[in-house]
Amino acid sequence: MDFSVDDLESIVPELFIILQQASAPHSVFARQWVLDSVQQHDWRPLRQFSELVRGFGDFVQPAHIPLLEMIAQCIEMLVAIVSTGFDLFLPLALSVLSILANLYLKHWPFSPPTFCAALVAAKHSLSVLLDRITEMGPPSSEATAAPSSDLICEGVCLVMYVVDCEEENVAREAAAVCCLLYGLHNDPILLEMLLMHTKAPVFARNLIHLLNRGTYVPLQPLLTMLADVLARPVCQGVLFPRDVGVLSEILVRLIVDTGESDSRPLRQVLRTVAESSLFKESTFPPPDQSLYLCD
């Protein structure tokens, strides 16, 4: 892989085809070639690619959004193929997110479906990263080093401005991205910063919509974030009694649908909801929580 040529518009389509071939079942040779190419000279090709993407953000326009979508898809395939170097992949994925968020801030409105598709691709790259980092367990080497909190905080701050987009799908995909970023670095300072953001109330309501729809983001990072939000005193003014009442009803429905054997994470969040002062202020008819709060 040669990323010395400063032309992403010619490099990325070719890279996309190569990675598609390497991702196909039984493509042992193509897969090994990608592994060897990416890791050679202390990951220099990947570092060069990251530099190109960061530089691309200086002059990107809405017309480049399909290219950004393809870059995010390349990252997702690379992470799935390569079993190390996640500390290098994360800044690359965050660069794509930052470019998309800045495009939104500078040029919106433009084509919502095109922008949403790119945001979904970026979300999928983060989701694969989160899965791989979780599989690796606690960081013990450079390959599993803890993600940079500064990069993630910057990404969250930018994407949070997209969560109140008038296009519902765009807003909820942005909330899902923030949820995954928090899953990569669930630090109390990051959560505090997120809840102090001007868009925090919209974001919190979108989290509840994500849980209700069940298709935008993996369940575990979403439940973790909801529980952490409810446990913070600062959530007053971010969530309101009616929001928490709706959340309790959604959780009860999901527990019933899931079955007792797989519902423990849901029941844990429901306990947090039931014990929150906001729920006690809610006028919603309380469900029979004793059925769900016992372990």
C-alpha atoms as a PDB file:
ATOM      1  CA  MET A   1       0.000   0.000   0.000  1.00  0.00           C
ATOM      2  CA  ASP A   2       1.467   3.309  -1.097  1.00  0.00           C
ATOM      3  CA  PHE A   3      -0.006   6.409   0.535  1.00  0.00           C
ATOM      4  CA  SER A   4       2.871   8.683  -0.452  1.00  0.00           C
ATOM      5  CA  VAL A   5       0.729  10.127  -3.270  1.00  0.00           C
ATOM      6  CA  ASP A   6      -1.300  13.012  -1.877  1.00  0.00           C
ATOM      7  CA  ASP A   7      -4.578  12.154  -3.621  1.00  0.00           C
ATOM      8  CA  LEU A   8      -7.229  10.464  -1.523  1.00  0.00           C
ATOM      9  CA  GLU A   9      -9.759  10.587  -4.349  1.00  0.00           C
ATOM     10  CA  SER A  10      -7.645   8.116  -6.340  1.00  0.00           C
ATOM     11  CA  ILE A  11      -6.230   6.115  -3.414  1.00  0.00           C
ATOM     12  CA  VAL A  12      -9.423   5.368  -1.464  1.00  0.00           C
ATOM     13  CA  PRO A  13     -11.481   3.632  -4.209  1.00  0.00           C
ATOM     14  CA  GLU A  14      -8.537   1.339  -4.956  1.00  0.00           C
ATOM     15  CA  LEU A  15      -8.013   0.634  -1.245  1.00  0.00           C
ATOM     16  CA  PHE A  16     -11.731  -0.101  -0.839  1.00  0.00           C
ATOM     17  CA  ILE A  17     -11.622  -2.770  -3.580  1.00  0.00           C
ATOM     18  CA  ILE A  18      -8.495  -4.383  -2.090  1.00  0.00           C
ATOM     19  CA  LEU A  19     -10.059  -4.540   1.370  1.00  0.00           C
ATOM     20  CA  GLN A  20     -13.301  -5.962   0.009  1.00  0.00           C
ATOM     21  CA  GLN A  21     -11.315  -8.764  -1.613  1.00  0.00           C
ATOM     22  CA  ALA A  22      -9.331  -9.370   1.590  1.00  0.00           C
ATOM     23  CA  SER A  23     -12.547  -9.458   3.640  1.00  0.00           C
ATOM     24  CA  ALA A  24     -14.128 -12.166   1.506  1.00  0.00           C
ATOM     25  CA  PRO A  25     -14.292 -15.701   2.938  1.00  0.00           C
ATOM     26  CA  HIS A  26     -11.229 -17.861   2.190  1.00  0.00           C
ATOM     27  CA  SER A  27      -9.206 -14.880   0.888  1.00  0.00           C
ATOM     28  CA  VAL A  28      -6.150 -15.986   2.839  1.00  0.00           C
ATOM     29  CA  PHE A  29      -3.533 -14.554   0.478  1.00  0.00           C
ATOM     30  CA  ALA A  30      -5.228 -11.154   0.081  1.00  0.00           C
ATOM     31  CA  ARG A  31      -5.785 -10.928   3.824  1.00  0.00           C
ATOM     32  CA  GLN A  32      -2.141 -11.699   4.612  1.00  0.00           C
ATOM     33  CA  TRP A  33      -0.999  -9.183   2.002  1.00  0.00           C
ATOM     34  CA  VAL A  34      -3.076  -6.461   3.678  1.00  0.00           C
ATOM     35  CA  LEU A  35      -1.690  -7.405   7.105  1.00  0.00           C
ATOM     36  CA  ASP A  36       1.903  -7.290   5.889  1.00  0.00           C
ATOM     37  CA  SER A  37       1.388  -4.060   3.956  1.00  0.00           C
ATOM     38  CA  VAL A  38      -0.261  -2.156   6.799  1.00  0.00           C
ATOM     39  CA  GLN A  39       2.257  -3.172   9.445  1.00  0.00           C
ATOM     40  CA  GLN A  40       5.473  -2.713   7.481  1.00  0.00           C
ATOM     41  CA  HIS A  41       8.046  -0.132   8.641  1.00  0.00           C
ATOM     42  CA  ASP A  42       6.362   0.366  12.031  1.00  0.00           C
ATOM     43  CA  TRP A  43       2.892   0.933  10.554  1.00  0.00           C
ATOM     44  CA  ARG A  44       4.133   3.666   8.207  1.00  0.00           C
ATOM     45  CA  PRO A  45       1.405   3.101   5.542  1.00  0.00           C
ATOM     46  CA  LEU A  46      -1.349   3.500   8.151  1.00  0.00           C
ATOM     47  CA  ARG A  47       0.347   6.601   9.588  1.00  0.00           C
ATOM     48  CA  GLN A  48       0.607   8.096   6.089  1.00  0.00           C
ATOM     49  CA  PHE A  49      -3.054   7.360   5.439  1.00  0.00           C
ATOM     50  CA  SER A  50      -4.028   9.044   8.726  1.00  0.00           C
ATOM     51  CA  GLU A  51      -2.024  12.147   7.800  1.00  0.00           C
ATOM     52  CA  LEU A  52      -3.724  12.299   4.393  1.00  0.00           C
ATOM     53  CA  VAL A  53      -7.178  12.071   5.968  1.00  0.00           C
ATOM     54  CA  ARG A  54      -6.389  14.774   8.545  1.00  0.00           C
ATOM     55  CA  GLY A  55      -5.058  17.064   5.823  1.00  0.00           C
ATOM     56  CA  PHE A  56      -8.128  16.376   3.701  1.00  0.00           C
ATOM     57  CA  GLY A  57     -10.247  18.066   6.355  1.00  0.00           C
ATOM     58  CA  ASP A  58      -8.705  21.449   5.540  1.00  0.00           C
ATOM     59  CA  PHE A  59     -10.451  21.765   2.176  1.00  0.00           C
ATOM     60  CA  VAL A  60     -13.257  19.192   2.223  1.00  0.00           C
ATOM     61  CA  GLN A  61     -16.677  20.151   0.824  1.00  0.00           C
ATOM     62  CA  PRO A  62     -20.112  18.468   0.981  1.00  0.00           C
ATOM     63  CA  ALA A  63     -19.379  16.893  -2.405  1.00  0.00           C
ATOM     64  CA  HIS A  64     -16.667  14.836  -0.686  1.00  0.00           C
ATOM     65  CA  ILE A  65     -19.065  13.145   1.761  1.00  0.00           C
ATOM     66  CA  PRO A  66     -19.321   9.886  -0.280  1.00  0.00           C
ATOM     67  CA  LEU A  67     -15.521   9.699  -0.185  1.00  0.00           C
ATOM     68  CA  LEU A  68     -15.589  10.119   3.609  1.00  0.00           C
ATOM     69  CA  GLU A  69     -18.149   7.308   3.791  1.00  0.00           C
ATOM     70  CA  MET A  70     -15.794   5.084   1.800  1.00  0.00           C
ATOM     71  CA  ILE A  71     -12.866   6.002   4.084  1.00  0.00           C
ATOM     72  CA  ALA A  72     -14.943   5.002   7.134  1.00  0.00           C
ATOM     73  CA  GLN A  73     -15.837   1.697   5.444  1.00  0.00           C
ATOM     74  CA  CYS A  74     -12.135   1.092   4.764  1.00  0.00           C
ATOM     75  CA  ILE A  75     -11.363   1.674   8.450  1.00  0.00           C
ATOM     76  CA  GLU A  76     -14.057  -0.815   9.461  1.00  0.00           C
ATOM     77  CA  MET A  77     -12.637  -3.476   7.133  1.00  0.00           C
ATOM     78  CA  LEU A  78      -9.067  -2.802   8.252  1.00  0.00           C
ATOM     79  CA  VAL A  79      -9.971  -3.148  11.925  1.00  0.00           C
ATOM     80  CA  ALA A  80     -11.752  -6.424  11.177  1.00  0.00           C
ATOM     81  CA  ILE A  81      -8.691  -7.757   9.329  1.00  0.00           C
ATOM     82  CA  VAL A  82      -5.894  -6.490  11.588  1.00  0.00           C
ATOM     83  CA  SER A  83      -5.852  -7.703  15.201  1.00  0.00           C
ATOM     84  CA  THR A  84      -3.596  -5.005  16.634  1.00  0.00           C
ATOM     85  CA  GLY A  85      -2.695  -1.317  16.257  1.00  0.00           C
ATOM     86  CA  PHE A  86      -6.012  -0.039  17.588  1.00  0.00           C
ATOM     87  CA  ASP A  87      -4.260   3.025  19.039  1.00  0.00           C
ATOM     88  CA  LEU A  88      -3.558   4.043  15.420  1.00  0.00           C
ATOM     89  CA  PHE A  89      -6.991   3.212  14.045  1.00  0.00           C
ATOM     90  CA  LEU A  90      -8.872   5.288  16.620  1.00  0.00           C
ATOM     91  CA  PRO A  91      -7.355   8.682  15.630  1.00  0.00           C
ATOM     92  CA  LEU A  92      -8.082   7.811  12.003  1.00  0.00           C
ATOM     93  CA  ALA A  93     -11.735   7.030  12.763  1.00  0.00           C
ATOM     94  CA  LEU A  94     -12.016  10.199  14.861  1.00  0.00           C
ATOM     95  CA  SER A  95     -10.560  12.278  12.023  1.00  0.00           C
ATOM     96  CA  VAL A  96     -13.405  11.155   9.765  1.00  0.00           C
ATOM     97  CA  LEU A  97     -15.942  12.037  12.474  1.00  0.00           C
ATOM     98  CA  SER A  98     -14.403  15.466  13.050  1.00  0.00           C
ATOM     99  CA  ILE A  99     -14.449  16.251   9.334  1.00  0.00           C
ATOM    100  CA  LEU A 100     -18.117  15.218   9.076  1.00  0.00           C
ATOM    101  CA  ALA A 101     -19.095  17.276  12.121  1.00  0.00           C
ATOM    102  CA  ASN A 102     -17.255  20.337  10.823  1.00  0.00           C
ATOM    103  CA  LEU A 103     -18.967  19.935   7.455  1.00  0.00           C
ATOM    104  CA  TYR A 104     -22.299  19.945   9.266  1.00  0.00           C
ATOM    105  CA  LEU A 105     -21.413  23.089  11.225  1.00  0.00           C
ATOM    106  CA  LYS A 106     -20.149  24.981   8.176  1.00  0.00           C
ATOM    107  CA  HIS A 107     -22.392  23.859   5.336  1.00  0.00           C
ATOM    108  CA  TRP A 108     -25.666  22.366   6.605  1.00  0.00           C
ATOM    109  CA  PRO A 109     -28.222  21.931   5.084  1.00  0.00           C
ATOM    110  CA  PHE A 110     -27.130  19.590   2.328  1.00  0.00           C
ATOM    111  CA  SER A 111     -28.204  16.085   1.291  1.00  0.00           C
ATOM    112  CA  PRO A 112     -29.423  14.385   4.524  1.00  0.00           C
ATOM    113  CA  PRO A 113     -29.321  10.804   3.122  1.00  0.00           C
ATOM    114  CA  THR A 114     -25.733  11.241   1.911  1.00  0.00           C
ATOM    115  CA  PHE A 115     -24.587  12.723   5.212  1.00  0.00           C
ATOM    116  CA  CYS A 116     -26.457  10.107   7.242  1.00  0.00           C
ATOM    117  CA  ALA A 117     -24.875   7.274   5.230  1.00  0.00           C
ATOM    118  CA  ALA A 118     -21.395   8.637   5.980  1.00  0.00           C
ATOM    119  CA  LEU A 119     -22.274   9.035   9.665  1.00  0.00           C
ATOM    120  CA  VAL A 120     -23.503   5.429   9.769  1.00  0.00           C
ATOM    121  CA  ALA A 121     -20.243   4.230   8.194  1.00  0.00           C
ATOM    122  CA  ALA A 122     -18.246   6.182  10.785  1.00  0.00           C
ATOM    123  CA  LYS A 123     -20.417   4.686  13.539  1.00  0.00           C
ATOM    124  CA  HIS A 124     -19.786   1.163  12.273  1.00  0.00           C
ATOM    125  CA  SER A 125     -16.015   1.737  12.279  1.00  0.00           C
ATOM    126  CA  LEU A 126     -16.228   2.852  15.925  1.00  0.00           C
ATOM    127  CA  SER A 127     -18.447  -0.116  16.813  1.00  0.00           C
ATOM    128  CA  VAL A 128     -15.933  -2.594  15.380  1.00  0.00           C
ATOM    129  CA  LEU A 129     -13.131  -0.812  17.235  1.00  0.00           C
ATOM    130  CA  LEU A 130     -15.070  -0.994  20.499  1.00  0.00           C
ATOM    131  CA  ASP A 131     -15.749  -4.707  19.979  1.00  0.00           C
ATOM    132  CA  ARG A 132     -12.084  -5.467  19.288  1.00  0.00           C
ATOM    133  CA  ILE A 133     -10.774  -3.399  22.191  1.00  0.00           C
ATOM    134  CA  THR A 134     -13.300  -5.079  24.505  1.00  0.00           C
ATOM    135  CA  GLU A 135     -12.219  -8.514  23.264  1.00  0.00           C
ATOM    136  CA  MET A 136      -8.574  -7.699  23.981  1.00  0.00           C
ATOM    137  CA  GLY A 137      -9.347  -6.946  27.628  1.00  0.00           C
ATOM    138  CA  PRO A 138      -7.444  -4.455  29.803  1.00  0.00           C
ATOM    139  CA  PRO A 139      -4.601  -2.658  27.975  1.00  0.00           C
ATOM    140  CA  SER A 140      -1.287  -4.443  28.394  1.00  0.00           C
ATOM    141  CA  SER A 141       0.691  -3.196  25.391  1.00  0.00           C
ATOM    142  CA  GLU A 142       0.788  -0.553  22.720  1.00  0.00           C
ATOM    143  CA  ALA A 143      -1.709  -2.559  20.661  1.00  0.00           C
ATOM    144  CA  THR A 144      -4.346  -2.296  23.362  1.00  0.00           C
ATOM    145  CA  ALA A 145      -3.370   1.083  24.813  1.00  0.00           C
ATOM    146  CA  ALA A 146      -6.171   3.143  26.311  1.00  0.00           C
ATOM    147  CA  PRO A 147      -7.663   5.510  23.735  1.00  0.00           C
ATOM    148  CA  SER A 148      -6.621   9.133  23.845  1.00  0.00           C
ATOM    149  CA  SER A 149      -9.096  10.990  26.040  1.00  0.00           C
ATOM    150  CA  ASP A 150      -8.326  14.309  24.335  1.00  0.00           C
ATOM    151  CA  LEU A 151      -9.193  12.941  20.900  1.00  0.00           C
ATOM    152  CA  ILE A 152     -12.410  11.366  22.132  1.00  0.00           C
ATOM    153  CA  CYS A 153     -13.451  14.510  24.024  1.00  0.00           C
ATOM    154  CA  GLU A 154     -12.885  16.563  20.902  1.00  0.00           C
ATOM    155  CA  GLY A 155     -14.931  14.102  18.858  1.00  0.00           C
ATOM    156  CA  VAL A 156     -17.802  14.141  21.347  1.00  0.00           C
ATOM    157  CA  CYS A 157     -17.860  17.948  21.503  1.00  0.00           C
ATOM    158  CA  LEU A 158     -18.111  18.227  17.723  1.00  0.00           C
ATOM    159  CA  VAL A 159     -20.643  15.434  17.140  1.00  0.00           C
ATOM    160  CA  MET A 160     -22.883  16.748  19.938  1.00  0.00           C
ATOM    161  CA  TYR A 161     -23.742  19.724  17.701  1.00  0.00           C
ATOM    162  CA  VAL A 162     -25.337  17.280  15.240  1.00  0.00           C
ATOM    163  CA  VAL A 163     -27.715  15.653  17.762  1.00  0.00           C
ATOM    164  CA  ASP A 164     -30.372  18.338  17.388  1.00  0.00           C
ATOM    165  CA  CYS A 165     -30.448  18.114  13.587  1.00  0.00           C
ATOM    166  CA  GLU A 166     -33.981  18.479  12.255  1.00  0.00           C
ATOM    167  CA  GLU A 167     -33.434  15.253  10.298  1.00  0.00           C
ATOM    168  CA  GLU A 168     -34.361  12.569  12.823  1.00  0.00           C
ATOM    169  CA  ASN A 169     -32.089   9.845  11.452  1.00  0.00           C
ATOM    170  CA  VAL A 170     -29.073  12.159  11.386  1.00  0.00           C
ATOM    171  CA  ALA A 171     -29.715  13.283  14.968  1.00  0.00           C
ATOM    172  CA  ARG A 172     -30.057   9.734  16.282  1.00  0.00           C
ATOM    173  CA  GLU A 173     -27.018   8.446  14.414  1.00  0.00           C
ATOM    174  CA  ALA A 174     -25.039  11.316  15.971  1.00  0.00           C
ATOM    175  CA  ALA A 175     -26.285  10.302  19.434  1.00  0.00           C
ATOM    176  CA  ALA A 176     -25.299   6.706  18.705  1.00  0.00           C
ATOM    177  CA  VAL A 177     -21.800   7.857  17.728  1.00  0.00           C
ATOM    178  CA  CYS A 178     -21.435   9.779  21.020  1.00  0.00           C
ATOM    179  CA  CYS A 179     -22.573   6.687  22.898  1.00  0.00           C
ATOM    180  CA  LEU A 180     -19.884   4.568  21.214  1.00  0.00           C
ATOM    181  CA  LEU A 181     -17.232   7.202  21.909  1.00  0.00           C
ATOM    182  CA  TYR A 182     -18.182   7.075  25.569  1.00  0.00           C
ATOM    183  CA  GLY A 183     -17.951   3.283  25.392  1.00  0.00           C
ATOM    184  CA  LEU A 184     -14.362   3.665  24.199  1.00  0.00           C
ATOM    185  CA  HIS A 185     -13.481   5.936  27.107  1.00  0.00           C
ATOM    186  CA  ASN A 186     -16.152   5.937  29.833  1.00  0.00           C
ATOM    187  CA  ASP A 187     -14.457   8.511  32.004  1.00  0.00           C
ATOM    188  CA  PRO A 188     -16.497  10.545  34.546  1.00  0.00           C
ATOM    189  CA  ILE A 189     -14.896  13.766  33.296  1.00  0.00           C
ATOM    190  CA  LEU A 190     -16.013  13.005  29.744  1.00  0.00           C
ATOM    191  CA  LEU A 191     -19.559  12.291  30.954  1.00  0.00           C
ATOM    192  CA  GLU A 192     -19.611  15.497  32.999  1.00  0.00           C
ATOM    193  CA  MET A 193     -18.449  17.486  29.981  1.00  0.00           C
ATOM    194  CA  LEU A 194     -21.079  15.819  27.799  1.00  0.00           C
ATOM    195  CA  LEU A 195     -23.890  16.561  30.244  1.00  0.00           C
ATOM    196  CA  MET A 196     -22.805  20.203  30.490  1.00  0.00           C
ATOM    197  CA  HIS A 197     -22.948  20.601  26.697  1.00  0.00           C
ATOM    198  CA  THR A 198     -25.634  22.959  25.363  1.00  0.00           C
ATOM    199  CA  LYS A 199     -27.164  20.055  23.399  1.00  0.00           C
ATOM    200  CA  ALA A 200     -27.219  17.661  26.388  1.00  0.00           C
ATOM    201  CA  PRO A 201     -31.045  17.589  26.869  1.00  0.00           C
ATOM    202  CA  VAL A 202     -31.602  16.722  23.198  1.00  0.00           C
ATOM    203  CA  PHE A 203     -28.869  14.104  23.411  1.00  0.00           C
ATOM    204  CA  ALA A 204     -30.378  12.483  26.515  1.00  0.00           C
ATOM    205  CA  ARG A 205     -33.803  12.206  24.882  1.00  0.00           C
ATOM    206  CA  ASN A 206     -32.182  10.689  21.803  1.00  0.00           C
ATOM    207  CA  LEU A 207     -30.546   8.037  23.989  1.00  0.00           C
ATOM    208  CA  ILE A 208     -34.019   6.965  25.098  1.00  0.00           C
ATOM    209  CA  HIS A 209     -35.168   6.861  21.464  1.00  0.00           C
ATOM    210  CA  LEU A 210     -32.136   4.707  20.611  1.00  0.00           C
ATOM    211  CA  LEU A 211     -33.091   2.210  23.309  1.00  0.00           C
ATOM    212  CA  ASN A 212     -36.691   2.173  22.136  1.00  0.00           C
ATOM    213  CA  ARG A 213     -35.769   1.583  18.498  1.00  0.00           C
ATOM    214  CA  GLY A 214     -32.994  -0.900  19.294  1.00  0.00           C
ATOM    215  CA  THR A 215     -31.274  -0.657  15.909  1.00  0.00           C
ATOM    216  CA  TYR A 216     -28.897   2.296  16.049  1.00  0.00           C
ATOM    217  CA  VAL A 217     -26.261   1.156  18.544  1.00  0.00           C
ATOM    218  CA  PRO A 218     -25.232  -2.035  20.398  1.00  0.00           C
ATOM    219  CA  LEU A 219     -27.231  -2.496  23.586  1.00  0.00           C
ATOM    220  CA  GLN A 220     -24.424  -2.760  26.169  1.00  0.00           C
ATOM    221  CA  PRO A 221     -22.689   0.613  25.572  1.00  0.00           C
ATOM    222  CA  LEU A 222     -26.108   2.266  25.433  1.00  0.00           C
ATOM    223  CA  LEU A 223     -27.185   0.736  28.760  1.00  0.00           C
ATOM    224  CA  THR A 224     -23.858   1.677  30.342  1.00  0.00           C
ATOM    225  CA  MET A 225     -24.243   5.272  29.281  1.00  0.00           C
ATOM    226  CA  LEU A 226     -27.872   5.527  30.406  1.00  0.00           C
ATOM    227  CA  ALA A 227     -26.987   4.112  33.828  1.00  0.00           C
ATOM    228  CA  ASP A 228     -24.051   6.508  34.201  1.00  0.00           C
ATOM    229  CA  VAL A 229     -26.153   9.489  33.133  1.00  0.00           C
ATOM    230  CA  LEU A 230     -28.879   8.641  35.663  1.00  0.00           C
ATOM    231  CA  ALA A 231     -26.307   8.177  38.428  1.00  0.00           C
ATOM    232  CA  ARG A 232     -24.933  11.720  38.012  1.00  0.00           C
ATOM    233  CA  PRO A 233     -26.518  14.571  40.018  1.00  0.00           C
ATOM    234  CA  VAL A 234     -25.941  16.849  37.042  1.00  0.00           C
ATOM    235  CA  CYS A 235     -28.559  14.918  35.029  1.00  0.00           C
ATOM    236  CA  GLN A 236     -31.149  17.230  36.619  1.00  0.00           C
ATOM    237  CA  GLY A 237     -32.073  19.584  33.771  1.00  0.00           C
ATOM    238  CA  VAL A 238     -30.820  17.084  31.189  1.00  0.00           C
ATOM    239  CA  LEU A 239     -33.461  14.436  31.803  1.00  0.00           C
ATOM    240  CA  PHE A 240     -36.894  15.228  33.211  1.00  0.00           C
ATOM    241  CA  PRO A 241     -39.412  13.122  35.173  1.00  0.00           C
ATOM    242  CA  ARG A 242     -41.467  12.334  32.076  1.00  0.00           C
ATOM    243  CA  ASP A 243     -38.315  11.178  30.203  1.00  0.00           C
ATOM    244  CA  VAL A 244     -37.429   8.811  33.035  1.00  0.00           C
ATOM    245  CA  GLY A 245     -41.006   7.503  33.183  1.00  0.00           C
ATOM    246  CA  VAL A 246     -40.891   6.708  29.472  1.00  0.00           C
ATOM    247  CA  LEU A 247     -37.485   5.069  29.957  1.00  0.00           C
ATOM    248  CA  SER A 248     -38.851   2.794  32.697  1.00  0.00           C
ATOM    249  CA  GLU A 249     -41.680   1.595  30.436  1.00  0.00           C
ATOM    250  CA  ILE A 250     -39.238   0.871  27.592  1.00  0.00           C
ATOM    251  CA  LEU A 251     -36.967  -1.086  29.937  1.00  0.00           C
ATOM    252  CA  VAL A 252     -39.865  -3.156  31.284  1.00  0.00           C
ATOM    253  CA  ARG A 253     -40.988  -4.018  27.748  1.00  0.00           C
ATOM    254  CA  LEU A 254     -37.447  -5.020  26.759  1.00  0.00           C
ATOM    255  CA  ILE A 255     -37.053  -7.166  29.881  1.00  0.00           C
ATOM    256  CA  VAL A 256     -40.273  -9.019  29.084  1.00  0.00           C
ATOM    257  CA  ASP A 257     -39.249  -9.478  25.441  1.00  0.00           C
ATOM    258  CA  THR A 258     -35.701 -10.559  26.304  1.00  0.00           C
ATOM    259  CA  GLY A 259     -36.477 -13.168  28.927  1.00  0.00           C
ATOM    260  CA  GLU A 260     -35.051 -13.612  32.397  1.00  0.00           C
ATOM    261  CA  SER A 261     -31.788 -15.295  31.378  1.00  0.00           C
ATOM    262  CA  ASP A 262     -30.553 -12.382  29.254  1.00  0.00           C
ATOM    263  CA  SER A 263     -32.179  -9.445  31.003  1.00  0.00           C
ATOM    264  CA  ARG A 264     -29.718  -8.786  33.835  1.00  0.00           C
ATOM    265  CA  PRO A 265     -28.145  -5.646  32.229  1.00  0.00           C
ATOM    266  CA  LEU A 266     -31.618  -4.257  31.558  1.00  0.00           C
ATOM    267  CA  ARG A 267     -32.746  -4.969  35.125  1.00  0.00           C
ATOM    268  CA  GLN A 268     -29.665  -3.236  36.499  1.00  0.00           C
ATOM    269  CA  VAL A 269     -30.503  -0.068  34.572  1.00  0.00           C
ATOM    270  CA  LEU A 270     -34.140  -0.318  35.640  1.00  0.00           C
ATOM    271  CA  ARG A 271     -32.999  -0.417  39.260  1.00  0.00           C
ATOM    272  CA  THR A 272     -31.006   2.772  38.663  1.00  0.00           C
ATOM    273  CA  VAL A 273     -34.099   4.356  37.120  1.00  0.00           C
ATOM    274  CA  ALA A 274     -36.343   3.314  40.013  1.00  0.00           C
ATOM    275  CA  GLU A 275     -33.920   4.698  42.592  1.00  0.00           C
ATOM    276  CA  SER A 276     -33.469   8.039  40.842  1.00  0.00           C
ATOM    277  CA  SER A 277     -35.146  11.134  42.264  1.00  0.00           C
ATOM    278  CA  LEU A 278     -36.445  11.966  38.778  1.00  0.00           C
ATOM    279  CA  PHE A 279     -38.441   8.746  38.599  1.00  0.00           C
ATOM    280  CA  LYS A 280     -39.982   9.448  41.984  1.00  0.00           C
ATOM    281  CA  GLU A 281     -41.162  12.806  40.622  1.00  0.00           C
ATOM    282  CA  SER A 282     -42.709  11.143  37.585  1.00  0.00           C
ATOM    283  CA  THR A 283     -46.491  10.887  37.304  1.00  0.00           C
ATOM    284  CA  PHE A 284     -46.257   7.750  35.179  1.00  0.00           C
ATOM    285  CA  PRO A 285     -48.008   4.721  36.638  1.00  0.00           C
ATOM    286  CA  PRO A 286     -45.137   2.710  38.104  1.00  0.00           C
ATOM    287  CA  PRO A 287     -44.669  -0.787  36.698  1.00  0.00           C
ATOM    288  CA  ASP A 288     -44.424  -3.732  39.055  1.00  0.00           C
ATOM    289  CA  GLN A 289     -40.703  -3.218  39.462  1.00  0.00           C
ATOM    290  CA  SER A 290     -40.300  -5.889  42.119  1.00  0.00           C
ATOM    291  CA  LEU A 291     -40.548  -8.423  39.308  1.00  0.00           C
ATOM    292  CA  TYR A 292     -37.508  -6.970  37.598  1.00  0.00           C
ATOM    293  CA  LEU A 293     -35.281  -5.554  40.326  1.00  0.00           C
ATOM    294  CA  CYS A 294     -34.563  -8.855  42.044  1.00  0.00           C
ATOM    295  CA  ASP A 295     -31.385 -10.703  40.974  1.00  0.00           C
END
